[in-house]
């Protein structure tokens, strides 16, 4: 049995194409893999992503030198550990997000900062850093109003967010990376339904193989 961690980095909007396709992927996955455990981590939930701020830095310093921490510092480090352990324990990752200005939402960037921990998701060696999350899979589901992955319609700027996410996963050791990009619904609004239909079919097909 595999554990699937769905990282939903998207505000809850009813017409979001990435959420619609993401839901189809998850439902199709559950049908194809009924014994697997699916966990959804909503980065836009009320509690938000645990921060990396002044309190965090001071708590890490105190932890390193064995100094007494305040309750706030202890609670924050416990949150960090909980979120990190959740990522490490999963076998497969599904990221669902919109493109924001050629990049990822801030909440997803913060999540990646939170989980980039030496000796947990990667380690340093004489030959350079080595990822520790071996033999795991990533699926990235992202919607954008324009075209960024279609050679016929690519814009002037690349999709920097997907490049960053995929490279971070590779840095962690994840070696099976796939994606579903839902693109062009704003650029060619008369093709919105056709774009969605194509992505939904991809979601159903790829969920079976994931």
N, C-alpha and C. Protein backbone atom coordinates (compact mmCIF):
# COMPACT_ATOMS: atom_id res chain seq x y z
N UNK A 1 0.84 -1.20 0.00
CA UNK A 1 0.00 0.00 0.00
C UNK A 1 0.87 1.24 0.00
N UNK A 2 0.55 2.21 -0.84
CA UNK A 2 1.30 3.46 -0.92
C UNK A 2 0.56 4.58 -0.22
N UNK A 3 1.33 5.57 0.23
CA UNK A 3 0.76 6.77 0.82
C UNK A 3 0.97 7.93 -0.16
N UNK A 4 -0.13 8.60 -0.51
CA UNK A 4 -0.09 9.71 -1.45
C UNK A 4 -0.36 11.00 -0.70
N UNK A 5 0.55 11.94 -0.82
CA UNK A 5 0.38 13.24 -0.18
C UNK A 5 0.02 14.27 -1.26
N UNK A 6 -1.18 14.83 -1.15
CA UNK A 6 -1.64 15.86 -2.08
C UNK A 6 -1.37 17.22 -1.45
N UNK A 7 -0.51 18.02 -2.08
CA UNK A 7 -0.21 19.36 -1.58
C UNK A 7 -1.01 20.35 -2.41
N UNK A 8 -2.10 20.82 -1.82
CA UNK A 8 -3.01 21.73 -2.53
C UNK A 8 -2.63 23.17 -2.21
N UNK A 9 -2.00 23.83 -3.19
CA UNK A 9 -1.54 25.21 -2.98
C UNK A 9 -2.39 26.15 -3.82
N UNK A 10 -3.67 26.23 -3.47
CA UNK A 10 -4.61 26.97 -4.29
C UNK A 10 -5.75 27.50 -3.43
N UNK A 11 -6.12 28.77 -3.59
CA UNK A 11 -7.33 29.26 -2.92
C UNK A 11 -8.54 28.46 -3.39
N UNK A 12 -9.54 28.33 -2.58
CA UNK A 12 -10.73 27.55 -2.93
C UNK A 12 -11.67 28.38 -3.80
N UNK A 13 -11.45 28.31 -5.10
CA UNK A 13 -12.30 29.02 -6.06
C UNK A 13 -13.02 27.99 -6.92
N UNK A 14 -14.30 28.21 -7.14
CA UNK A 14 -15.15 27.19 -7.78
C UNK A 14 -14.81 26.92 -9.23
N UNK A 15 -14.24 27.90 -9.94
CA UNK A 15 -13.99 27.73 -11.37
C UNK A 15 -12.52 27.44 -11.69
N UNK A 16 -11.74 27.12 -10.68
CA UNK A 16 -10.32 26.87 -10.89
C UNK A 16 -10.11 25.60 -11.71
N UNK A 17 -9.43 25.71 -12.84
CA UNK A 17 -9.17 24.54 -13.68
C UNK A 17 -8.20 23.58 -13.01
N UNK A 18 -7.23 24.11 -12.30
CA UNK A 18 -6.28 23.20 -11.64
C UNK A 18 -6.96 22.40 -10.53
N UNK A 19 -7.91 23.03 -9.80
CA UNK A 19 -8.64 22.29 -8.77
C UNK A 19 -9.57 21.26 -9.38
N UNK A 20 -10.22 21.62 -10.48
CA UNK A 20 -11.13 20.68 -11.15
C UNK A 20 -10.37 19.46 -11.64
N UNK A 21 -9.25 19.70 -12.31
CA UNK A 21 -8.45 18.60 -12.83
C UNK A 21 -7.79 17.82 -11.70
N UNK A 22 -7.35 18.54 -10.66
CA UNK A 22 -6.76 17.87 -9.51
C UNK A 22 -7.73 16.93 -8.83
N UNK A 23 -8.98 17.37 -8.70
CA UNK A 23 -10.01 16.52 -8.09
C UNK A 23 -10.26 15.28 -8.93
N UNK A 24 -10.28 15.45 -10.25
CA UNK A 24 -10.48 14.31 -11.15
C UNK A 24 -9.32 13.32 -11.03
N UNK A 25 -8.11 13.85 -10.93
CA UNK A 25 -6.94 12.98 -10.77
C UNK A 25 -7.03 12.18 -9.48
N UNK A 26 -7.38 12.84 -8.39
CA UNK A 26 -7.45 12.16 -7.08
C UNK A 26 -8.55 11.10 -7.09
N UNK A 27 -9.72 11.45 -7.61
CA UNK A 27 -10.82 10.49 -7.65
C UNK A 27 -10.47 9.28 -8.53
N UNK A 28 -9.85 9.54 -9.67
CA UNK A 28 -9.45 8.45 -10.56
C UNK A 28 -8.37 7.59 -9.91
N UNK A 29 -7.47 8.25 -9.19
CA UNK A 29 -6.41 7.50 -8.50
C UNK A 29 -7.01 6.57 -7.46
N UNK A 30 -7.95 7.06 -6.69
CA UNK A 30 -8.57 6.24 -5.65
C UNK A 30 -9.28 5.03 -6.24
N UNK A 31 -9.90 5.21 -7.41
CA UNK A 31 -10.57 4.09 -8.06
C UNK A 31 -9.57 3.04 -8.53
N UNK A 32 -8.43 3.50 -9.03
CA UNK A 32 -7.41 2.59 -9.56
C UNK A 32 -6.54 1.99 -8.47
N UNK A 33 -6.45 2.68 -7.32
CA UNK A 33 -5.58 2.22 -6.23
C UNK A 33 -6.39 2.25 -4.92
N UNK A 34 -7.40 1.41 -4.80
CA UNK A 34 -8.33 1.51 -3.66
C UNK A 34 -7.68 1.26 -2.30
N UNK A 35 -6.55 0.59 -2.27
CA UNK A 35 -5.91 0.28 -0.99
C UNK A 35 -4.93 1.35 -0.53
N UNK A 36 -4.65 2.34 -1.39
CA UNK A 36 -3.69 3.37 -1.03
C UNK A 36 -4.32 4.43 -0.13
N UNK A 37 -3.47 5.06 0.67
CA UNK A 37 -3.91 6.13 1.56
C UNK A 37 -3.63 7.48 0.88
N UNK A 38 -4.65 8.34 0.83
CA UNK A 38 -4.51 9.66 0.22
C UNK A 38 -4.71 10.72 1.30
N UNK A 39 -3.69 11.55 1.49
CA UNK A 39 -3.73 12.63 2.48
C UNK A 39 -3.69 13.96 1.75
N UNK A 40 -4.57 14.88 2.11
CA UNK A 40 -4.59 16.20 1.47
C UNK A 40 -4.09 17.25 2.45
N UNK A 41 -3.04 17.93 2.06
CA UNK A 41 -2.49 19.03 2.86
C UNK A 41 -2.82 20.35 2.15
N UNK A 42 -3.73 21.11 2.71
CA UNK A 42 -4.19 22.36 2.12
C UNK A 42 -3.33 23.51 2.65
N UNK A 43 -2.49 24.06 1.82
CA UNK A 43 -1.60 25.13 2.25
C UNK A 43 -2.34 26.44 2.50
N UNK A 44 -3.59 26.53 2.03
CA UNK A 44 -4.40 27.73 2.24
C UNK A 44 -5.36 27.56 3.42
N UNK A 45 -5.23 26.50 4.18
CA UNK A 45 -6.07 26.31 5.36
C UNK A 45 -5.79 27.42 6.38
N UNK A 46 -6.68 27.57 7.32
CA UNK A 46 -6.61 28.71 8.25
C UNK A 46 -5.29 28.81 8.98
N UNK A 47 -4.72 27.65 9.37
CA UNK A 47 -3.47 27.70 10.15
C UNK A 47 -2.26 28.07 9.29
N UNK A 48 -2.37 27.87 7.98
CA UNK A 48 -1.29 28.25 7.07
C UNK A 48 -0.05 27.37 7.20
N UNK A 49 0.94 27.65 6.38
CA UNK A 49 2.20 26.92 6.42
C UNK A 49 3.03 27.44 7.59
N UNK A 50 3.58 26.56 8.41
CA UNK A 50 4.43 27.03 9.51
C UNK A 50 5.53 27.95 8.99
N UNK A 51 5.71 29.13 9.61
CA UNK A 51 6.63 30.12 9.06
C UNK A 51 8.10 29.82 9.36
N UNK A 52 8.95 30.41 8.53
CA UNK A 52 10.37 30.49 8.82
C UNK A 52 10.65 31.96 9.10
N UNK A 53 10.63 32.32 10.37
CA UNK A 53 10.73 33.73 10.75
C UNK A 53 11.72 33.89 11.90
N UNK A 54 11.67 35.02 12.59
CA UNK A 54 12.60 35.26 13.69
C UNK A 54 12.44 34.23 14.80
N UNK A 55 11.20 33.84 15.08
CA UNK A 55 10.96 32.84 16.12
C UNK A 55 11.59 31.51 15.73
N UNK A 56 11.45 31.14 14.45
CA UNK A 56 12.03 29.90 13.96
C UNK A 56 13.55 29.89 14.13
N UNK A 57 14.18 30.98 13.68
CA UNK A 57 15.65 31.05 13.73
C UNK A 57 16.16 30.97 15.17
N UNK A 58 15.48 31.66 16.08
CA UNK A 58 15.90 31.63 17.48
C UNK A 58 15.66 30.25 18.09
N UNK A 59 14.56 29.60 17.71
CA UNK A 59 14.28 28.25 18.22
C UNK A 59 15.33 27.27 17.73
N UNK A 60 15.72 27.37 16.45
CA UNK A 60 16.77 26.49 15.93
C UNK A 60 18.09 26.71 16.67
N UNK A 61 18.40 27.98 16.96
CA UNK A 61 19.65 28.28 17.67
C UNK A 61 19.63 27.66 19.06
N UNK A 62 18.51 27.83 19.76
CA UNK A 62 18.40 27.26 21.11
C UNK A 62 18.44 25.74 21.08
N UNK A 63 17.80 25.16 20.08
CA UNK A 63 17.81 23.70 19.94
C UNK A 63 19.24 23.20 19.72
N UNK A 64 19.99 23.89 18.90
CA UNK A 64 21.37 23.50 18.58
C UNK A 64 22.26 23.52 19.81
N UNK A 65 22.07 24.53 20.66
CA UNK A 65 22.94 24.69 21.83
C UNK A 65 22.31 24.19 23.12
N UNK A 66 21.16 23.53 23.00
CA UNK A 66 20.53 22.93 24.18
C UNK A 66 19.98 23.94 25.16
N UNK A 67 19.57 25.11 24.69
CA UNK A 67 19.03 26.14 25.57
C UNK A 67 17.51 25.96 25.73
N UNK A 68 17.00 26.48 26.82
CA UNK A 68 15.56 26.38 27.09
C UNK A 68 14.78 27.21 26.08
N UNK A 69 13.72 26.61 25.52
CA UNK A 69 12.88 27.30 24.54
C UNK A 69 11.56 27.72 25.16
N UNK A 70 10.98 28.79 24.62
CA UNK A 70 9.65 29.20 25.05
C UNK A 70 8.63 28.22 24.48
N UNK A 71 7.40 28.27 25.00
CA UNK A 71 6.36 27.39 24.50
C UNK A 71 6.04 27.68 23.04
N UNK A 72 6.08 28.96 22.67
CA UNK A 72 5.84 29.33 21.27
C UNK A 72 6.89 28.70 20.36
N UNK A 73 8.14 28.73 20.79
CA UNK A 73 9.22 28.15 19.99
C UNK A 73 9.06 26.63 19.88
N UNK A 74 8.72 26.00 20.99
CA UNK A 74 8.51 24.55 20.98
C UNK A 74 7.36 24.17 20.05
N UNK A 75 6.26 24.92 20.14
CA UNK A 75 5.10 24.62 19.28
C UNK A 75 5.44 24.78 17.81
N UNK A 76 6.21 25.80 17.48
CA UNK A 76 6.56 26.04 16.09
C UNK A 76 7.45 24.93 15.55
N UNK A 77 8.43 24.50 16.33
CA UNK A 77 9.31 23.41 15.87
C UNK A 77 8.54 22.10 15.76
N UNK A 78 7.57 21.90 16.63
CA UNK A 78 6.73 20.70 16.54
C UNK A 78 5.92 20.71 15.25
N UNK A 79 5.42 21.88 14.87
CA UNK A 79 4.69 22.01 13.60
C UNK A 79 5.61 21.69 12.43
N UNK A 80 6.81 22.24 12.47
CA UNK A 80 7.78 21.97 11.40
C UNK A 80 8.03 20.47 11.28
N UNK A 81 8.23 19.82 12.40
CA UNK A 81 8.53 18.39 12.40
C UNK A 81 7.35 17.58 11.87
N UNK A 82 6.14 17.98 12.24
CA UNK A 82 4.94 17.27 11.78
C UNK A 82 4.80 17.36 10.26
N UNK A 83 4.96 18.54 9.71
CA UNK A 83 4.82 18.72 8.27
C UNK A 83 5.95 18.01 7.52
N UNK A 84 7.15 18.08 8.05
CA UNK A 84 8.29 17.43 7.41
C UNK A 84 8.14 15.92 7.43
N UNK A 85 7.74 15.37 8.57
CA UNK A 85 7.55 13.92 8.68
C UNK A 85 6.46 13.43 7.74
N UNK A 86 5.43 14.23 7.55
CA UNK A 86 4.35 13.88 6.64
C UNK A 86 4.88 13.74 5.22
N UNK A 87 5.73 14.66 4.80
CA UNK A 87 6.32 14.59 3.46
C UNK A 87 7.22 13.37 3.33
N UNK A 88 8.08 13.15 4.30
CA UNK A 88 9.04 12.05 4.23
C UNK A 88 8.34 10.70 4.21
N UNK A 89 7.25 10.57 4.94
CA UNK A 89 6.57 9.27 5.05
C UNK A 89 5.76 8.91 3.81
N UNK A 90 5.49 9.89 2.95
CA UNK A 90 4.69 9.62 1.75
C UNK A 90 5.54 8.98 0.66
N UNK A 91 4.86 8.23 -0.21
CA UNK A 91 5.53 7.58 -1.34
C UNK A 91 5.35 8.35 -2.64
N UNK A 92 4.26 9.12 -2.71
CA UNK A 92 3.93 9.86 -3.93
C UNK A 92 3.43 11.24 -3.55
N UNK A 93 3.76 12.23 -4.40
CA UNK A 93 3.37 13.61 -4.15
C UNK A 93 2.58 14.17 -5.33
N UNK A 94 1.47 14.81 -5.02
CA UNK A 94 0.67 15.48 -6.04
C UNK A 94 0.58 16.95 -5.66
N UNK A 95 1.16 17.82 -6.47
CA UNK A 95 1.10 19.26 -6.24
C UNK A 95 0.04 19.87 -7.15
N UNK A 96 -0.88 20.63 -6.56
CA UNK A 96 -1.95 21.28 -7.32
C UNK A 96 -1.87 22.78 -7.05
N UNK A 97 -1.64 23.56 -8.09
CA UNK A 97 -1.50 25.01 -7.89
C UNK A 97 -1.77 25.78 -9.18
N UNK A 98 -2.06 27.08 -9.04
CA UNK A 98 -2.13 27.96 -10.21
C UNK A 98 -0.74 28.54 -10.46
N UNK A 99 -0.49 29.02 -11.66
CA UNK A 99 0.72 29.80 -11.89
C UNK A 99 0.44 31.24 -11.47
N UNK A 100 1.33 31.80 -10.67
CA UNK A 100 1.24 33.21 -10.30
C UNK A 100 2.46 33.94 -10.88
N UNK A 101 2.25 34.74 -11.90
CA UNK A 101 3.33 35.57 -12.44
C UNK A 101 4.58 34.76 -12.76
N UNK A 102 4.36 33.69 -13.53
CA UNK A 102 5.44 32.81 -14.01
C UNK A 102 6.08 31.99 -12.89
N UNK A 103 5.44 31.95 -11.71
CA UNK A 103 6.04 31.22 -10.60
C UNK A 103 4.95 30.54 -9.77
N UNK A 104 5.37 29.97 -8.67
CA UNK A 104 4.47 29.27 -7.75
C UNK A 104 3.83 30.26 -6.78
N UNK A 105 2.69 29.91 -6.20
CA UNK A 105 2.14 30.71 -5.11
C UNK A 105 3.14 30.77 -3.95
N UNK A 106 3.13 31.87 -3.22
CA UNK A 106 4.07 32.05 -2.10
C UNK A 106 3.96 30.92 -1.08
N UNK A 107 2.73 30.43 -0.88
CA UNK A 107 2.53 29.37 0.12
C UNK A 107 3.26 28.09 -0.27
N UNK A 108 3.31 27.80 -1.56
CA UNK A 108 4.02 26.60 -2.00
C UNK A 108 5.53 26.79 -1.89
N UNK A 109 6.02 27.97 -2.23
CA UNK A 109 7.46 28.25 -2.04
C UNK A 109 7.82 28.10 -0.57
N UNK A 110 6.96 28.59 0.33
CA UNK A 110 7.22 28.48 1.76
C UNK A 110 7.22 27.01 2.20
N UNK A 111 6.34 26.22 1.61
CA UNK A 111 6.29 24.79 1.93
C UNK A 111 7.59 24.10 1.52
N UNK A 112 8.11 24.45 0.36
CA UNK A 112 9.36 23.85 -0.10
C UNK A 112 10.53 24.30 0.78
N UNK A 113 10.52 25.55 1.23
CA UNK A 113 11.55 26.02 2.16
C UNK A 113 11.46 25.24 3.48
N UNK A 114 10.25 24.98 3.92
CA UNK A 114 10.02 24.26 5.18
C UNK A 114 10.57 22.84 5.13
N UNK A 115 10.49 22.21 3.95
CA UNK A 115 10.85 20.79 3.85
C UNK A 115 12.27 20.56 3.35
N UNK A 116 12.98 21.63 3.00
CA UNK A 116 14.37 21.48 2.55
C UNK A 116 15.27 21.45 3.78
N UNK A 117 15.40 20.27 4.37
CA UNK A 117 16.12 20.12 5.64
C UNK A 117 17.23 19.09 5.47
N UNK A 118 18.45 19.52 5.73
CA UNK A 118 19.59 18.62 5.62
C UNK A 118 19.45 17.44 6.57
N UNK A 119 19.83 16.27 6.11
CA UNK A 119 19.76 14.99 6.84
C UNK A 119 18.34 14.45 6.93
N UNK A 120 17.38 15.16 6.33
CA UNK A 120 15.99 14.70 6.31
C UNK A 120 15.53 14.46 4.87
N UNK A 121 15.59 15.49 4.03
CA UNK A 121 15.22 15.33 2.62
C UNK A 121 16.43 15.31 1.70
N UNK A 122 17.59 15.70 2.21
CA UNK A 122 18.84 15.62 1.45
C UNK A 122 20.00 15.61 2.43
N UNK A 123 21.18 15.29 1.92
CA UNK A 123 22.38 15.34 2.75
C UNK A 123 23.55 15.85 1.91
N UNK A 124 24.54 16.39 2.59
CA UNK A 124 25.75 16.85 1.91
C UNK A 124 26.79 15.73 1.93
N UNK A 125 27.46 15.56 0.81
CA UNK A 125 28.54 14.57 0.72
C UNK A 125 29.75 15.23 0.06
N UNK A 126 30.87 14.51 0.00
CA UNK A 126 32.07 15.03 -0.65
C UNK A 126 31.83 15.27 -2.14
N UNK A 127 30.87 14.56 -2.70
CA UNK A 127 30.55 14.70 -4.12
C UNK A 127 29.42 15.70 -4.37
N UNK A 128 28.93 16.33 -3.32
CA UNK A 128 27.83 17.28 -3.45
C UNK A 128 26.58 16.78 -2.75
N UNK A 129 25.48 17.56 -2.76
CA UNK A 129 24.26 17.14 -2.07
C UNK A 129 23.61 15.93 -2.73
N UNK A 130 23.02 15.08 -1.90
CA UNK A 130 22.34 13.87 -2.37
C UNK A 130 20.95 13.83 -1.77
N UNK A 131 19.94 13.59 -2.61
CA UNK A 131 18.56 13.50 -2.13
C UNK A 131 18.31 12.23 -1.35
N UNK A 132 17.43 12.30 -0.36
CA UNK A 132 17.13 11.15 0.49
C UNK A 132 15.75 10.55 0.24
N UNK A 133 14.95 11.17 -0.63
CA UNK A 133 13.60 10.66 -0.91
C UNK A 133 13.63 9.85 -2.20
N UNK A 134 14.36 8.76 -2.17
CA UNK A 134 14.55 7.94 -3.36
C UNK A 134 13.31 7.11 -3.68
N UNK A 135 13.18 6.76 -4.97
CA UNK A 135 12.11 5.86 -5.45
C UNK A 135 10.71 6.40 -5.15
N UNK A 136 10.56 7.72 -5.18
CA UNK A 136 9.26 8.34 -4.97
C UNK A 136 8.82 9.07 -6.24
N UNK A 137 7.54 9.43 -6.28
CA UNK A 137 6.98 10.02 -7.50
C UNK A 137 6.39 11.40 -7.22
N UNK A 138 6.42 12.24 -8.25
CA UNK A 138 5.78 13.56 -8.19
C UNK A 138 4.86 13.73 -9.39
N UNK A 139 3.67 14.27 -9.14
CA UNK A 139 2.77 14.71 -10.19
C UNK A 139 2.45 16.18 -9.93
N UNK A 140 2.67 17.02 -10.93
CA UNK A 140 2.41 18.45 -10.80
C UNK A 140 1.24 18.83 -11.68
N UNK A 141 0.17 19.34 -11.07
CA UNK A 141 -1.03 19.77 -11.80
C UNK A 141 -1.14 21.28 -11.66
N UNK A 142 -1.03 21.98 -12.78
CA UNK A 142 -1.00 23.44 -12.73
C UNK A 142 -1.76 24.06 -13.90
N UNK A 143 -2.53 25.09 -13.59
CA UNK A 143 -3.25 25.84 -14.63
C UNK A 143 -2.62 27.22 -14.80
N UNK A 144 -2.62 27.68 -16.06
CA UNK A 144 -2.14 29.03 -16.38
C UNK A 144 -3.00 29.59 -17.50
N UNK A 145 -3.20 30.90 -17.48
CA UNK A 145 -4.04 31.53 -18.49
C UNK A 145 -3.44 31.52 -19.88
N UNK A 146 -2.10 31.55 -19.94
CA UNK A 146 -1.41 31.53 -21.23
C UNK A 146 -0.78 30.18 -21.50
N UNK A 147 0.07 30.13 -22.52
CA UNK A 147 0.75 28.89 -22.90
C UNK A 147 2.24 28.98 -22.53
N UNK A 148 2.73 27.93 -21.89
CA UNK A 148 4.12 27.90 -21.46
C UNK A 148 4.82 26.59 -21.79
N UNK A 149 4.05 25.55 -22.06
CA UNK A 149 4.63 24.24 -22.34
C UNK A 149 4.25 23.71 -23.73
N UNK A 150 3.59 24.54 -24.49
CA UNK A 150 3.21 24.20 -25.86
C UNK A 150 4.16 24.94 -26.80
N UNK A 151 4.97 24.21 -27.55
CA UNK A 151 5.99 24.82 -28.40
C UNK A 151 5.40 25.80 -29.41
N UNK A 152 4.16 25.59 -29.82
CA UNK A 152 3.55 26.45 -30.82
C UNK A 152 3.11 27.80 -30.25
N UNK A 153 2.89 27.86 -28.92
CA UNK A 153 2.31 29.06 -28.34
C UNK A 153 3.13 29.65 -27.19
N UNK A 154 4.33 29.19 -26.97
CA UNK A 154 5.07 29.62 -25.80
C UNK A 154 5.27 31.14 -25.78
N UNK A 155 5.15 31.71 -24.56
CA UNK A 155 5.34 33.13 -24.40
C UNK A 155 6.80 33.50 -24.24
N UNK A 156 7.03 34.77 -23.93
CA UNK A 156 8.40 35.27 -23.84
C UNK A 156 9.12 34.73 -22.60
N UNK A 157 8.39 34.50 -21.51
CA UNK A 157 9.00 34.02 -20.28
C UNK A 157 8.63 32.56 -20.04
N UNK A 158 9.56 31.76 -19.51
CA UNK A 158 9.25 30.35 -19.24
C UNK A 158 8.44 30.20 -17.95
N UNK A 159 7.98 28.99 -17.72
CA UNK A 159 7.28 28.66 -16.48
C UNK A 159 8.34 28.38 -15.42
N UNK A 160 8.75 29.42 -14.73
CA UNK A 160 9.83 29.30 -13.74
C UNK A 160 9.40 28.45 -12.55
N UNK A 161 8.11 28.47 -12.23
CA UNK A 161 7.62 27.73 -11.07
C UNK A 161 7.76 26.23 -11.22
N UNK A 162 7.36 25.70 -12.38
CA UNK A 162 7.47 24.25 -12.58
C UNK A 162 8.92 23.82 -12.63
N UNK A 163 9.79 24.65 -13.20
CA UNK A 163 11.22 24.34 -13.21
C UNK A 163 11.74 24.25 -11.78
N UNK A 164 11.34 25.21 -10.95
CA UNK A 164 11.80 25.24 -9.56
C UNK A 164 11.27 24.04 -8.78
N UNK A 165 9.98 23.75 -8.93
CA UNK A 165 9.39 22.64 -8.19
C UNK A 165 10.03 21.31 -8.58
N UNK A 166 10.15 21.07 -9.88
CA UNK A 166 10.72 19.79 -10.33
C UNK A 166 12.17 19.65 -9.89
N UNK A 167 12.92 20.72 -9.95
CA UNK A 167 14.32 20.65 -9.52
C UNK A 167 14.46 20.47 -8.02
N UNK A 168 13.54 21.05 -7.26
CA UNK A 168 13.55 20.83 -5.82
C UNK A 168 13.26 19.37 -5.50
N UNK A 169 12.29 18.78 -6.20
CA UNK A 169 11.98 17.37 -5.99
C UNK A 169 13.18 16.49 -6.38
N UNK A 170 13.84 16.81 -7.47
CA UNK A 170 15.04 16.06 -7.86
C UNK A 170 16.13 16.22 -6.80
N UNK A 171 16.25 17.42 -6.25
CA UNK A 171 17.21 17.68 -5.18
C UNK A 171 16.91 16.79 -3.97
N UNK A 172 15.62 16.54 -3.71
CA UNK A 172 15.22 15.65 -2.61
C UNK A 172 15.41 14.18 -2.96
N UNK A 173 15.69 13.88 -4.21
CA UNK A 173 15.90 12.49 -4.62
C UNK A 173 14.74 11.87 -5.36
N UNK A 174 13.63 12.60 -5.52
CA UNK A 174 12.47 12.09 -6.24
C UNK A 174 12.87 11.92 -7.71
N UNK A 175 12.71 10.71 -8.23
CA UNK A 175 13.23 10.44 -9.58
C UNK A 175 12.17 10.14 -10.63
N UNK A 176 10.91 10.14 -10.25
CA UNK A 176 9.83 9.91 -11.21
C UNK A 176 8.92 11.14 -11.19
N UNK A 177 9.05 11.99 -12.21
CA UNK A 177 8.38 13.28 -12.23
C UNK A 177 7.49 13.40 -13.46
N UNK A 178 6.24 13.81 -13.23
CA UNK A 178 5.29 13.95 -14.33
C UNK A 178 4.44 15.20 -14.07
N UNK A 179 3.64 15.59 -15.06
CA UNK A 179 2.86 16.82 -14.92
C UNK A 179 1.63 16.80 -15.81
N UNK A 180 0.68 17.63 -15.42
CA UNK A 180 -0.49 17.94 -16.24
C UNK A 180 -0.62 19.46 -16.23
N UNK A 181 -0.43 20.07 -17.37
CA UNK A 181 -0.53 21.52 -17.48
C UNK A 181 -1.82 21.89 -18.22
N UNK A 182 -2.63 22.73 -17.58
CA UNK A 182 -3.90 23.18 -18.17
C UNK A 182 -3.69 24.63 -18.57
N UNK A 183 -3.42 24.86 -19.84
CA UNK A 183 -2.95 26.17 -20.26
C UNK A 183 -3.75 26.76 -21.43
N UNK A 184 -3.89 28.10 -21.42
CA UNK A 184 -4.46 28.80 -22.55
C UNK A 184 -5.90 29.21 -22.42
N UNK A 185 -6.56 28.91 -21.30
CA UNK A 185 -7.99 29.19 -21.18
C UNK A 185 -8.30 30.68 -21.20
N UNK A 186 -7.35 31.51 -20.78
CA UNK A 186 -7.55 32.96 -20.85
C UNK A 186 -7.09 33.51 -22.20
N UNK A 187 -6.04 32.91 -22.75
CA UNK A 187 -5.53 33.37 -24.04
C UNK A 187 -6.52 33.09 -25.17
N UNK A 188 -7.17 31.92 -25.10
CA UNK A 188 -8.17 31.54 -26.11
C UNK A 188 -9.42 31.06 -25.38
N UNK A 189 -10.21 31.98 -24.82
CA UNK A 189 -11.35 31.60 -23.98
C UNK A 189 -12.39 30.74 -24.70
N UNK A 190 -12.49 30.85 -26.02
CA UNK A 190 -13.45 30.02 -26.75
C UNK A 190 -13.04 28.55 -26.78
N UNK A 191 -11.81 28.26 -26.37
CA UNK A 191 -11.32 26.87 -26.32
C UNK A 191 -11.22 26.35 -24.89
N UNK A 192 -11.75 27.09 -23.94
CA UNK A 192 -11.63 26.73 -22.53
C UNK A 192 -12.12 25.30 -22.26
N UNK A 193 -13.31 24.96 -22.77
CA UNK A 193 -13.85 23.64 -22.49
C UNK A 193 -13.00 22.54 -23.12
N UNK A 194 -12.52 22.77 -24.33
CA UNK A 194 -11.67 21.78 -24.99
C UNK A 194 -10.36 21.59 -24.23
N UNK A 195 -9.80 22.68 -23.71
CA UNK A 195 -8.57 22.61 -22.92
C UNK A 195 -8.83 21.81 -21.65
N UNK A 196 -9.96 22.07 -21.00
CA UNK A 196 -10.30 21.34 -19.78
C UNK A 196 -10.54 19.87 -20.09
N UNK A 197 -11.26 19.56 -21.15
CA UNK A 197 -11.55 18.17 -21.51
C UNK A 197 -10.26 17.38 -21.74
N UNK A 198 -9.31 17.99 -22.41
CA UNK A 198 -8.03 17.32 -22.67
C UNK A 198 -7.30 17.04 -21.37
N UNK A 199 -7.30 18.02 -20.47
CA UNK A 199 -6.61 17.84 -19.18
C UNK A 199 -7.31 16.79 -18.32
N UNK A 200 -8.63 16.74 -18.37
CA UNK A 200 -9.37 15.74 -17.58
C UNK A 200 -9.05 14.33 -18.07
N UNK A 201 -8.93 14.17 -19.37
CA UNK A 201 -8.57 12.86 -19.91
C UNK A 201 -7.15 12.48 -19.50
N UNK A 202 -6.25 13.45 -19.52
CA UNK A 202 -4.89 13.21 -19.04
C UNK A 202 -4.90 12.78 -17.58
N UNK A 203 -5.73 13.46 -16.78
CA UNK A 203 -5.81 13.15 -15.35
C UNK A 203 -6.25 11.71 -15.13
N UNK A 204 -7.26 11.28 -15.86
CA UNK A 204 -7.76 9.91 -15.69
C UNK A 204 -6.71 8.88 -16.13
N UNK A 205 -6.05 9.16 -17.23
CA UNK A 205 -5.05 8.22 -17.76
C UNK A 205 -3.83 8.14 -16.85
N UNK A 206 -3.33 9.30 -16.45
CA UNK A 206 -2.10 9.33 -15.65
C UNK A 206 -2.32 8.84 -14.23
N UNK A 207 -3.53 9.02 -13.71
CA UNK A 207 -3.84 8.53 -12.36
C UNK A 207 -3.71 7.01 -12.28
N UNK A 208 -4.07 6.33 -13.34
CA UNK A 208 -3.98 4.86 -13.33
C UNK A 208 -2.54 4.38 -13.25
N UNK A 209 -1.63 5.17 -13.85
CA UNK A 209 -0.23 4.76 -13.94
C UNK A 209 0.62 5.31 -12.79
N UNK A 210 0.06 6.23 -12.02
CA UNK A 210 0.85 6.94 -11.01
C UNK A 210 1.11 6.05 -9.80
